[in-house]
């Protein structure tokens, strides 16, 4: 293995019993460039592009109670080309990260840290909180865009080198939420944001040239907690779920969520370049959805697939200390009972129909992004470990036949959502690979695996050993090398 240690960051995080600063979530504080890594199997020579995953890596001892989604963002990138692979990882140099590096300590408390207060004003849309840019990652217009679940600035990096370009300059005042969506057909980026001031949500479109083309308000009854959006060929789909900050608590500066099951779920369907008056609202059963899969149009219907939570507000977990119990319940997708679900919105009648597509607890779904906004057949979901925000396997669904395949990573081995990687000159929707970073707590190591998407049960076709064990994290993406080079003028 040819490995270069680029930088090591001093940390003030000592050993403790926090469930998400230990084990597979233990933070990583070194940056590497690595080539000629140990490979078990053979790296395919029919893929070209980058796999990038965002993780949470707090550098300094947290102020008060810590929630894992608040850790400093670190990107891990594996570049594949001509049967070879290169690995790099870098902290995202957000404004907050740089200020804390200069101070040598944490300056911001998280949303679960009450009564501890931040030492600096917030740079995020939620008062007093740091934008760690540690939630989502996507590649658009030849550059990485990393985003945070509570909005704020988006940060740009080079997909091949992870060179830092700083804050995205088209971002509006209320920032960018995690989960902007790329339409590979048009090159457009669709995004939304949300805040605690009216109209509480906005929706926008950025062109393939990385210029803001469209931005409109989406009026909600009050502050909400949307997390994701979806799109079809002609429409964007936003949501208003009955989960939001308790208004009385907000008046005291506290961010305490509540779920109101007596209320309906609401969906805003807006033409891609539509105006506020063009929005059509649809009602559906009460729930909360963290992540969508895909959406497409079929006749008069707009079809939306995602992960319906059967219990969006579970009871605190008794096996964890009281101060962690509720947090652990929200991080346990088994307690949330997240299942693959389908909504059908009739654009003529305004009727909503919905159904479960499977009864297995799953989340963090991926599919062939060349089919984004179009009718698709195959979905690839992550299988959560009961009790934890960890994923112990993958499930492939054939949405036409109902058949599914499983791949389990093995005892004490954890992955994440697995983006689909099309083969060069692919001949079918599932002609390609799934890619994921795996954290192996048996050996305290990590690896990158590639799995044949047509037969995932056969296991990895190759395993590429990383320089250091990396922590579990949140979201990942795949971007084709040819698309990146074209957008960069290479």
Protein backbone atom coordinates (compact mmCIF):
# COMPACT_ATOMS: atom_id res chain seq x y z
CA UNK A 1 0.00 0.00 0.00
CA UNK A 2 1.31 3.45 -0.97
CA UNK A 3 -0.13 5.74 1.69
CA UNK A 4 0.61 9.36 2.49
CA UNK A 5 -0.52 10.83 5.81
CA UNK A 6 -1.56 14.32 4.74
CA UNK A 7 -2.52 15.78 8.11
CA UNK A 8 -3.39 14.71 11.64
CA UNK A 9 -5.68 16.86 13.76
CA UNK A 10 -5.32 17.19 17.51
CA UNK A 11 -8.47 16.16 19.34
CA UNK A 12 -9.79 16.86 22.83
CA UNK A 13 -12.28 13.98 22.75
CA UNK A 14 -11.35 11.59 25.56
CA UNK A 15 -12.64 8.08 26.07
CA UNK A 16 -16.23 8.18 27.28
CA UNK A 17 -19.41 6.14 27.27
CA UNK A 18 -21.27 8.11 24.61
CA UNK A 19 -22.83 5.48 22.31
CA UNK A 20 -21.96 7.48 19.17
CA UNK A 21 -18.37 8.37 20.04
CA UNK A 22 -17.39 4.72 20.41
CA UNK A 23 -17.26 1.51 18.40
CA UNK A 24 -18.09 1.89 14.73
CA UNK A 25 -18.76 5.61 15.33
CA UNK A 26 -15.36 6.39 16.87
CA UNK A 27 -14.18 9.60 15.15
CA UNK A 28 -11.25 9.67 12.75
CA UNK A 29 -8.76 12.56 12.80
CA UNK A 30 -6.24 11.76 10.06
CA UNK A 31 -6.34 12.68 6.38
CA UNK A 32 -4.77 10.35 3.80
CA UNK A 33 -3.94 9.92 0.14
CA UNK A 34 -3.61 6.22 -0.75
CA UNK A 35 -2.87 4.23 -3.91
CA UNK A 36 -1.87 0.62 -4.56
CA UNK A 37 -3.94 -0.57 -1.61
CA UNK A 38 -4.32 -4.23 -0.74
CA UNK A 39 -7.08 -5.70 -2.92
CA UNK A 40 -8.90 -8.95 -2.28
CA UNK A 41 -10.34 -10.00 -5.64
CA UNK A 42 -10.05 -7.86 -8.76
CA UNK A 43 -11.10 -4.24 -9.25
CA UNK A 44 -13.38 -4.14 -12.32
CA UNK A 45 -12.00 -2.24 -15.30
CA UNK A 46 -15.47 -1.37 -16.65
CA UNK A 47 -16.24 1.50 -14.23
CA UNK A 48 -14.93 5.07 -14.19
CA UNK A 49 -15.86 7.57 -11.51
CA UNK A 50 -15.86 8.47 -7.84
CA UNK A 51 -17.63 7.08 -4.79
CA UNK A 52 -17.89 9.72 -2.04
CA UNK A 53 -19.29 9.30 1.45
CA UNK A 54 -19.90 11.90 4.17
CA UNK A 55 -19.17 11.06 7.82
CA UNK A 56 -19.40 12.81 11.19
CA UNK A 57 -16.03 13.29 12.92
CA UNK A 58 -16.07 15.73 15.85
CA UNK A 59 -12.59 17.05 16.56
CA UNK A 60 -13.20 18.71 19.92
CA UNK A 61 -15.00 17.62 23.08
CA UNK A 62 -18.67 18.53 22.54
CA UNK A 63 -20.32 21.31 24.51
CA UNK A 64 -22.92 19.41 26.52
CA UNK A 65 -24.91 16.52 25.12
CA UNK A 66 -23.74 15.33 21.68
CA UNK A 67 -25.84 14.13 18.76
CA UNK A 68 -23.92 12.21 16.07
CA UNK A 69 -25.37 14.21 13.19
CA UNK A 70 -23.54 17.30 14.51
CA UNK A 71 -19.98 15.99 14.09
CA UNK A 72 -17.60 17.77 11.72
CA UNK A 73 -18.08 16.64 8.14
CA UNK A 74 -15.38 14.44 6.61
CA UNK A 75 -15.55 13.18 3.02
CA UNK A 76 -14.11 9.81 2.00
CA UNK A 77 -13.52 9.37 -1.74
CA UNK A 78 -12.57 6.32 -3.82
CA UNK A 79 -11.69 7.03 -7.45
CA UNK A 80 -12.01 4.10 -9.85
CA UNK A 81 -10.54 4.04 -13.36
CA UNK A 82 -9.05 1.35 -15.61
CA UNK A 83 -9.07 -1.30 -12.90
CA UNK A 84 -7.29 0.86 -10.31
CA UNK A 85 -8.48 2.75 -7.24
CA UNK A 86 -7.26 5.78 -5.26
CA UNK A 87 -8.53 6.84 -1.83
CA UNK A 88 -8.58 10.26 -0.19
CA UNK A 89 -10.32 11.71 2.85
CA UNK A 90 -10.62 15.30 4.02
CA UNK A 91 -12.44 17.30 6.66
CA UNK A 92 -14.78 19.80 5.06
CA UNK A 93 -13.33 23.19 5.95
CA UNK A 94 -16.57 24.88 6.92
CA UNK A 95 -16.50 28.31 8.50
CA UNK A 96 -17.34 26.73 11.85
CA UNK A 97 -14.62 24.09 11.50
CA UNK A 98 -11.98 26.74 10.79
CA UNK A 99 -13.09 28.91 13.71
CA UNK A 100 -12.95 25.98 16.11
CA UNK A 101 -9.52 24.99 14.81
CA UNK A 102 -8.29 28.49 15.54
CA UNK A 103 -9.85 28.46 19.02
CA UNK A 104 -8.67 24.92 19.82
CA UNK A 105 -12.06 23.96 21.26
CA UNK A 106 -15.72 23.46 20.39
CA UNK A 107 -17.59 26.75 20.06
CA UNK A 108 -21.09 25.51 19.24
CA UNK A 109 -23.45 23.34 21.23
CA UNK A 110 -25.81 21.00 19.38
CA UNK A 111 -29.59 20.88 19.37
CA UNK A 112 -29.63 18.21 22.13
CA UNK A 113 -27.09 20.03 24.35
CA UNK A 114 -29.55 22.12 26.44
CA UNK A 115 -28.96 23.76 28.93
CA UNK A 116 -25.40 24.23 27.64
CA UNK A 117 -25.16 27.24 25.32
CA UNK A 118 -22.95 27.92 22.30
CA UNK A 119 -19.99 30.26 22.69
CA UNK A 120 -20.61 31.83 19.28
CA UNK A 121 -23.73 32.80 17.29
CA UNK A 122 -24.94 30.13 14.89
CA UNK A 123 -24.06 30.09 11.20
CA UNK A 124 -27.00 27.81 10.42
CA UNK A 125 -30.70 28.61 10.03
CA UNK A 126 -31.40 27.11 13.47
CA UNK A 127 -30.24 29.59 16.11
CA UNK A 128 -26.95 28.87 17.84
CA UNK A 129 -26.05 25.73 15.89
CA UNK A 130 -23.03 25.01 13.73
CA UNK A 131 -23.38 24.01 10.08
CA UNK A 132 -21.07 20.98 10.04
CA UNK A 133 -21.89 20.12 6.38
CA UNK A 134 -21.80 16.50 7.53
CA UNK A 135 -25.07 15.08 6.21
CA UNK A 136 -25.30 14.76 2.44
CA UNK A 137 -22.98 14.82 -0.56
CA UNK A 138 -23.66 15.09 -4.29
CA UNK A 139 -21.68 15.99 -7.41
CA UNK A 140 -23.08 18.74 -9.63
CA UNK A 141 -21.49 20.84 -12.38
CA UNK A 142 -18.18 19.04 -11.91
CA UNK A 143 -17.85 19.74 -8.17
CA UNK A 144 -18.88 18.14 -4.90
CA UNK A 145 -21.66 19.90 -2.98
CA UNK A 146 -21.86 18.92 0.71
CA UNK A 147 -24.88 19.98 2.79
CA UNK A 148 -26.27 19.89 6.33
CA UNK A 149 -29.62 18.53 7.52
CA UNK A 150 -30.58 21.82 9.20
CA UNK A 151 -29.70 23.91 6.16
CA UNK A 152 -27.02 26.58 5.90
CA UNK A 153 -24.24 27.07 3.37
CA UNK A 154 -23.29 24.38 0.89
CA UNK A 155 -19.59 23.65 0.46
CA UNK A 156 -17.82 22.82 -2.81
CA UNK A 157 -14.83 20.49 -3.32
CA UNK A 158 -13.10 18.85 -6.25
CA UNK A 159 -14.40 15.26 -6.74
CA UNK A 160 -10.98 13.84 -7.72
CA UNK A 161 -8.64 15.66 -5.31
CA UNK A 162 -10.98 16.93 -2.54
CA UNK A 163 -9.46 20.38 -2.99
CA UNK A 164 -11.62 22.87 -1.07
CA UNK A 165 -13.45 25.68 -2.90
CA UNK A 166 -15.42 27.06 0.06
CA UNK A 167 -19.02 28.23 0.24
CA UNK A 168 -21.35 27.87 -2.74
CA UNK A 169 -22.19 31.42 -3.86
CA UNK A 170 -25.66 30.84 -5.31
CA UNK A 171 -27.10 29.64 -1.98
CA UNK A 172 -30.04 31.84 -0.82
CA UNK A 173 -30.34 33.47 2.59
CA UNK A 174 -32.07 30.46 4.17
CA UNK A 175 -29.37 28.13 2.87
CA UNK A 176 -29.59 24.70 1.30
CA UNK A 177 -31.05 21.65 3.02
CA UNK A 178 -29.45 18.25 2.76
CA UNK A 179 -30.71 16.15 -0.16
CA UNK A 180 -30.69 18.41 -3.19
CA UNK A 181 -31.42 16.24 -6.23
CA UNK A 182 -29.53 15.91 -9.50
CA UNK A 183 -31.38 15.28 -12.75
CA UNK A 184 -28.71 13.59 -14.87
CA UNK A 185 -30.82 14.11 -18.01
CA UNK A 186 -30.85 17.91 -17.78
CA UNK A 187 -27.91 18.54 -15.46
CA UNK A 188 -30.22 20.55 -13.18
CA UNK A 189 -29.99 20.53 -9.39
CA UNK A 190 -33.30 20.76 -7.50
CA UNK A 191 -33.15 21.88 -3.86
CA UNK A 192 -35.20 23.16 -0.93
CA UNK A 193 -34.63 24.82 2.41
CA UNK A 194 -36.62 25.44 5.56
CA UNK A 195 -36.46 27.89 8.47
CA UNK A 196 -38.33 29.20 11.50
CA UNK A 197 -39.69 32.27 9.75
CA UNK A 198 -42.48 32.58 7.20
CA UNK A 199 -42.98 31.23 4.59
CA UNK A 200 -40.92 28.44 6.32
CA UNK A 201 -39.82 26.70 3.09
CA UNK A 202 -38.42 27.55 -0.34
CA UNK A 203 -37.78 25.50 -3.49
CA UNK A 204 -35.28 26.21 -6.25
CA UNK A 205 -33.53 24.98 -9.39
CA UNK A 206 -29.88 25.42 -10.33
CA UNK A 207 -28.84 24.92 -13.94
CA UNK A 208 -26.13 22.67 -15.36
CA UNK A 209 -24.00 25.86 -15.47
CA UNK A 210 -24.28 26.13 -11.65
CA UNK A 211 -26.39 29.29 -11.86
CA UNK A 212 -29.58 29.76 -9.84
CA UNK A 213 -32.48 29.64 -12.33
CA UNK A 214 -35.58 29.46 -10.15
CA UNK A 215 -36.49 30.10 -6.50
CA UNK A 216 -39.96 30.33 -4.95
CA UNK A 217 -41.56 30.31 -1.49
CA UNK A 218 -43.56 27.27 -0.38
CA UNK A 219 -45.85 28.48 2.38
CA UNK A 220 -46.30 26.18 5.39
CA UNK A 221 -48.47 26.61 8.52
CA UNK A 222 -45.36 27.02 10.69
CA UNK A 223 -41.80 25.74 11.20
CA UNK A 224 -41.41 22.15 10.03
CA UNK A 225 -38.66 19.51 9.84
CA UNK A 226 -38.58 18.24 6.25
CA UNK A 227 -35.49 16.17 5.44
CA UNK A 228 -35.69 15.11 1.80
CA UNK A 229 -37.43 15.84 -1.50
CA UNK A 230 -38.10 14.00 -4.74
CA UNK A 231 -38.72 14.84 -8.38
CA UNK A 232 -40.20 13.41 -11.56
CA UNK A 233 -39.69 14.54 -15.14
CA UNK A 234 -42.03 17.53 -14.72
CA UNK A 235 -42.59 17.99 -10.98
CA UNK A 236 -40.82 18.51 -7.68
CA UNK A 237 -42.34 16.92 -4.56
CA UNK A 238 -41.97 18.56 -1.15
CA UNK A 239 -43.53 17.60 2.14
CA UNK A 240 -45.20 18.92 5.30
CA UNK A 241 -45.23 16.12 7.86
CA UNK A 242 -46.82 16.39 11.33
CA UNK A 243 -43.36 16.46 12.94
CA UNK A 244 -41.96 19.83 13.99
CA UNK A 245 -40.36 21.79 16.82
CA UNK A 246 -42.71 22.39 19.78
CA UNK A 247 -43.70 26.07 19.28
CA UNK A 248 -43.64 26.91 23.01
CA UNK A 249 -40.13 25.45 23.31
CA UNK A 250 -38.93 27.42 20.31
CA UNK A 251 -39.97 30.61 22.05
CA UNK A 252 -37.45 29.68 24.76
CA UNK A 253 -34.73 28.88 22.21
CA UNK A 254 -35.13 25.11 22.64
CA UNK A 255 -35.31 22.65 19.72
CA UNK A 256 -37.62 19.88 20.95
CA UNK A 257 -39.43 17.81 18.30
CA UNK A 258 -42.99 16.56 18.56
CA UNK A 259 -45.18 14.29 16.42
CA UNK A 260 -48.92 14.96 15.94
CA UNK A 261 -50.48 11.73 14.57
CA UNK A 262 -53.95 13.30 14.43
CA UNK A 263 -52.70 15.53 11.60
CA UNK A 264 -52.31 14.45 7.98
CA UNK A 265 -49.12 14.21 5.98
CA UNK A 266 -49.16 16.79 3.19
CA UNK A 267 -47.30 16.77 -0.11
CA UNK A 268 -46.64 19.79 -2.30
CA UNK A 269 -46.44 18.95 -6.00
CA UNK A 270 -45.01 21.85 -7.98
CA UNK A 271 -44.06 22.04 -11.67
CA UNK A 272 -40.27 22.15 -11.95
CA UNK A 273 -40.31 25.84 -12.89
CA UNK A 274 -43.71 26.53 -11.35
CA UNK A 275 -44.89 29.43 -9.22
CA UNK A 276 -46.47 29.27 -5.74
CA UNK A 277 -49.95 29.42 -7.24
CA UNK A 278 -49.17 26.27 -9.28
CA UNK A 279 -48.58 24.11 -6.20
CA UNK A 280 -51.05 21.25 -5.70
CA UNK A 281 -51.34 19.86 -2.17
CA UNK A 282 -52.16 16.21 -1.47
CA UNK A 283 -53.01 14.64 1.90
CA UNK A 284 -51.97 11.18 3.08
CA UNK A 285 -51.69 9.09 6.24
CA UNK A 286 -49.74 10.62 9.11
CA UNK A 287 -46.09 9.55 9.21
CA UNK A 288 -42.58 10.88 8.88
CA UNK A 289 -40.19 10.04 6.04
CA UNK A 290 -36.46 10.58 6.26
CA UNK A 291 -35.63 9.51 2.72
CA UNK A 292 -37.28 9.03 -0.65
CA UNK A 293 -36.25 6.65 -3.39
CA UNK A 294 -37.62 7.90 -6.70
CA UNK A 295 -40.70 9.43 -8.32
CA UNK A 296 -42.17 9.21 -11.82
CA UNK A 297 -45.29 9.99 -13.82
CA UNK A 298 -47.64 7.33 -15.14
CA UNK A 299 -50.82 8.51 -16.86
CA UNK A 300 -52.67 10.88 -14.53
CA UNK A 301 -50.68 9.70 -11.52
CA UNK A 302 -47.48 10.87 -9.91
CA UNK A 303 -45.86 7.90 -8.14
CA UNK A 304 -43.53 8.41 -5.18
CA UNK A 305 -41.52 5.71 -3.37
CA UNK A 306 -39.92 6.18 0.04
CA UNK A 307 -39.62 4.81 3.58
CA UNK A 308 -42.80 5.21 5.66
CA UNK A 309 -42.24 5.29 9.42
CA UNK A 310 -44.79 3.26 11.35
CA UNK A 311 -43.72 4.80 14.67
CA UNK A 312 -42.18 8.24 14.02
CA UNK A 313 -41.96 9.07 17.75
CA UNK A 314 -40.86 5.90 19.58
CA UNK A 315 -40.51 5.49 23.33
CA UNK A 316 -37.04 6.15 24.82
CA UNK A 317 -34.80 3.11 24.91
CA UNK A 318 -34.54 1.82 28.50
CA UNK A 319 -31.19 0.06 27.96
CA UNK A 320 -29.35 3.38 27.47
CA UNK A 321 -28.67 6.12 30.03
CA UNK A 322 -31.64 8.46 30.39
CA UNK A 323 -29.89 11.37 28.71
CA UNK A 324 -29.35 9.24 25.57
CA UNK A 325 -32.58 7.22 25.56
CA UNK A 326 -34.76 9.42 23.33
CA UNK A 327 -31.86 10.18 20.98
CA UNK A 328 -31.19 6.46 20.56
CA UNK A 329 -34.84 5.83 19.72
CA UNK A 330 -34.74 8.39 16.90
CA UNK A 331 -31.55 6.78 15.56
CA UNK A 332 -32.98 3.25 15.59
CA UNK A 333 -34.77 2.67 12.30
CA UNK A 334 -36.27 -0.51 13.74
CA UNK A 335 -37.98 1.52 16.47
CA UNK A 336 -39.15 3.95 13.77
CA UNK A 337 -40.42 0.95 11.75
CA UNK A 338 -39.26 2.41 8.43
CA UNK A 339 -40.59 0.40 5.48
CA UNK A 340 -40.60 0.75 1.70
CA UNK A 341 -43.85 2.45 0.73
CA UNK A 342 -45.54 3.89 -2.35
CA UNK A 343 -47.76 6.97 -2.68
CA UNK A 344 -49.89 7.61 -5.80
CA UNK A 345 -51.09 11.18 -6.37
CA UNK A 346 -53.79 11.61 -9.02
CA UNK A 347 -53.05 14.96 -10.64
CA UNK A 348 -56.58 15.22 -12.05
CA UNK A 349 -58.75 14.18 -9.10
CA UNK A 350 -56.49 15.16 -6.20
CA UNK A 351 -56.86 11.66 -4.74
CA UNK A 352 -54.01 9.94 -2.86
CA UNK A 353 -53.55 6.17 -2.70
CA UNK A 354 -50.76 4.46 -0.80
CA UNK A 355 -49.45 0.99 -0.03
CA UNK A 356 -46.53 -0.84 1.56
CA UNK A 357 -44.14 -2.44 -0.92
CA UNK A 358 -42.48 -4.62 1.71
CA UNK A 359 -42.82 -5.33 5.44
CA UNK A 360 -39.07 -5.52 6.12
CA UNK A 361 -37.50 -2.63 8.05
CA UNK A 362 -35.23 -0.80 5.58
CA UNK A 363 -33.94 2.69 4.80
CA UNK A 364 -31.25 4.69 2.94
CA UNK A 365 -32.34 3.48 -0.49
CA UNK A 366 -30.46 3.93 -3.76
CA UNK A 367 -31.16 3.20 -7.43
CA UNK A 368 -29.63 3.74 -10.87
CA UNK A 369 -29.51 7.55 -11.05
CA UNK A 370 -29.89 7.47 -14.83
CA UNK A 371 -33.52 6.60 -14.01
CA UNK A 372 -34.07 9.49 -11.60
CA UNK A 373 -37.51 11.00 -12.22
CA UNK A 374 -38.39 8.09 -14.53
CA UNK A 375 -40.06 4.72 -14.14
CA UNK A 376 -37.53 2.32 -12.68
CA UNK A 377 -37.41 -1.32 -11.67
CA UNK A 378 -34.66 -1.89 -9.10
CA UNK A 379 -34.08 -0.43 -5.63
CA UNK A 380 -31.19 -1.08 -3.25
CA UNK A 381 -31.93 -0.48 0.44
CA UNK A 382 -29.74 -0.62 3.53
CA UNK A 383 -30.75 -3.05 6.29
CA UNK A 384 -30.42 -1.43 9.74
CA UNK A 385 -29.06 -3.12 12.84
CA UNK A 386 -31.77 -3.23 15.54
CA UNK A 387 -31.13 -0.62 18.21
CA UNK A 388 -28.47 1.34 16.35
CA UNK A 389 -27.87 3.74 13.50
CA UNK A 390 -25.74 1.12 11.75
CA UNK A 391 -26.38 -0.92 8.61
CA UNK A 392 -25.58 -4.62 8.51
CA UNK A 393 -26.63 -5.51 4.98
CA UNK A 394 -28.22 -4.60 1.64
CA UNK A 395 -31.52 -5.61 0.04
CA UNK A 396 -32.26 -5.46 -3.70
CA UNK A 397 -35.91 -5.15 -4.72
CA UNK A 398 -37.29 -5.97 -8.14
CA UNK A 399 -40.29 -3.64 -8.08
CA UNK A 400 -41.90 -5.38 -11.04
CA UNK A 401 -41.83 -8.97 -9.74
CA UNK A 402 -41.64 -8.33 -6.01
CA UNK A 403 -38.55 -10.53 -5.72
CA UNK A 404 -35.65 -9.47 -3.50
CA UNK A 405 -32.09 -10.48 -2.69
CA UNK A 406 -30.08 -9.98 0.51
CA UNK A 407 -26.41 -9.40 1.22
CA UNK A 408 -25.33 -9.37 4.87
CA UNK A 409 -21.95 -7.81 5.67
CA UNK A 410 -21.17 -10.23 8.52
CA UNK A 411 -21.02 -9.99 12.30
CA UNK A 412 -19.76 -6.61 13.56
CA UNK A 413 -19.31 -5.33 9.98
CA UNK A 414 -21.25 -2.22 8.99
CA UNK A 415 -21.80 -0.35 5.74
CA UNK A 416 -24.04 2.45 4.53
CA UNK A 417 -26.29 3.22 1.62
CA UNK A 418 -24.74 1.76 -1.50
CA UNK A 419 -24.89 3.88 -4.67
CA UNK A 420 -25.40 2.11 -7.98
CA UNK A 421 -22.39 2.24 -10.33
CA UNK A 422 -23.29 1.65 -14.01
CA UNK A 423 -20.84 -0.34 -16.07
CA UNK A 424 -19.35 1.47 -19.02
CA UNK A 425 -21.74 0.70 -21.93
CA UNK A 426 -24.26 -0.92 -19.56
CA UNK A 427 -26.98 -3.01 -21.25
CA UNK A 428 -29.63 -3.03 -18.50
CA UNK A 429 -30.89 -0.94 -15.58
CA UNK A 430 -29.08 -3.17 -13.06
CA UNK A 431 -25.97 -3.78 -15.19
CA UNK A 432 -23.35 -2.49 -12.80
CA UNK A 433 -22.18 -2.58 -9.20
CA UNK A 434 -23.09 -1.42 -5.72
CA UNK A 435 -20.30 0.30 -3.80
CA UNK A 436 -19.94 0.85 -0.06
CA UNK A 437 -17.35 1.50 2.62
CA UNK A 438 -17.40 -1.19 5.31
CA UNK A 439 -16.28 -0.73 8.91
CA UNK A 440 -15.14 -4.04 10.44
CA UNK A 441 -15.10 -3.89 14.23
CA UNK A 442 -13.66 -7.43 14.46
CA UNK A 443 -10.36 -6.21 13.03
CA UNK A 444 -10.76 -2.43 13.58
CA UNK A 445 -10.28 -1.89 9.84
CA UNK A 446 -12.24 -0.53 6.90
CA UNK A 447 -12.54 -1.48 3.26
CA UNK A 448 -14.37 -0.49 0.11
CA UNK A 449 -16.44 -3.21 -1.52
CA UNK A 450 -17.93 -3.58 -5.00
CA UNK A 451 -20.85 -5.96 -5.46
CA UNK A 452 -22.35 -7.15 -8.75
CA UNK A 453 -25.79 -5.49 -8.69
CA UNK A 454 -27.39 -8.36 -10.64
CA UNK A 455 -26.41 -10.92 -8.01
CA UNK A 456 -25.74 -9.17 -4.72
CA UNK A 457 -26.14 -12.37 -2.70
CA UNK A 458 -22.83 -13.59 -4.18
CA UNK A 459 -20.99 -10.97 -2.13
CA UNK A 460 -18.18 -8.59 -3.11
CA UNK A 461 -16.28 -8.98 -6.36
CA UNK A 462 -13.46 -7.05 -4.68
CA UNK A 463 -12.45 -5.60 -1.32
CA UNK A 464 -10.03 -2.66 -1.17
CA UNK A 465 -8.39 -2.17 2.23
CA UNK A 466 -8.27 1.43 3.52
CA UNK A 467 -5.36 3.03 5.46
CA UNK A 468 -7.42 3.37 8.67
CA UNK A 469 -10.75 2.33 10.10
CA UNK A 470 -13.30 4.98 9.14
CA UNK A 471 -16.43 5.70 11.20
CA UNK A 472 -19.99 5.05 10.22
CA UNK A 473 -21.69 8.05 8.69
CA UNK A 474 -24.65 9.23 6.71
CA UNK A 475 -24.90 9.66 2.95
CA UNK A 476 -22.94 8.75 -0.15
CA UNK A 477 -22.99 9.32 -3.90
CA UNK A 478 -21.50 8.06 -7.16
CA UNK A 479 -20.50 10.34 -10.04
CA UNK A 480 -19.28 9.23 -13.46
CA UNK A 481 -15.74 10.28 -14.31
CA UNK A 482 -16.69 11.26 -17.85
CA UNK A 483 -19.40 13.62 -16.56
CA UNK A 484 -17.00 15.26 -14.09
CA UNK A 485 -14.27 15.74 -16.69
CA UNK A 486 -16.74 17.21 -19.19
CA UNK A 487 -18.10 19.68 -16.62
CA UNK A 488 -14.54 20.67 -15.67
CA UNK A 489 -13.53 21.12 -19.30
CA UNK A 490 -10.94 18.32 -19.10
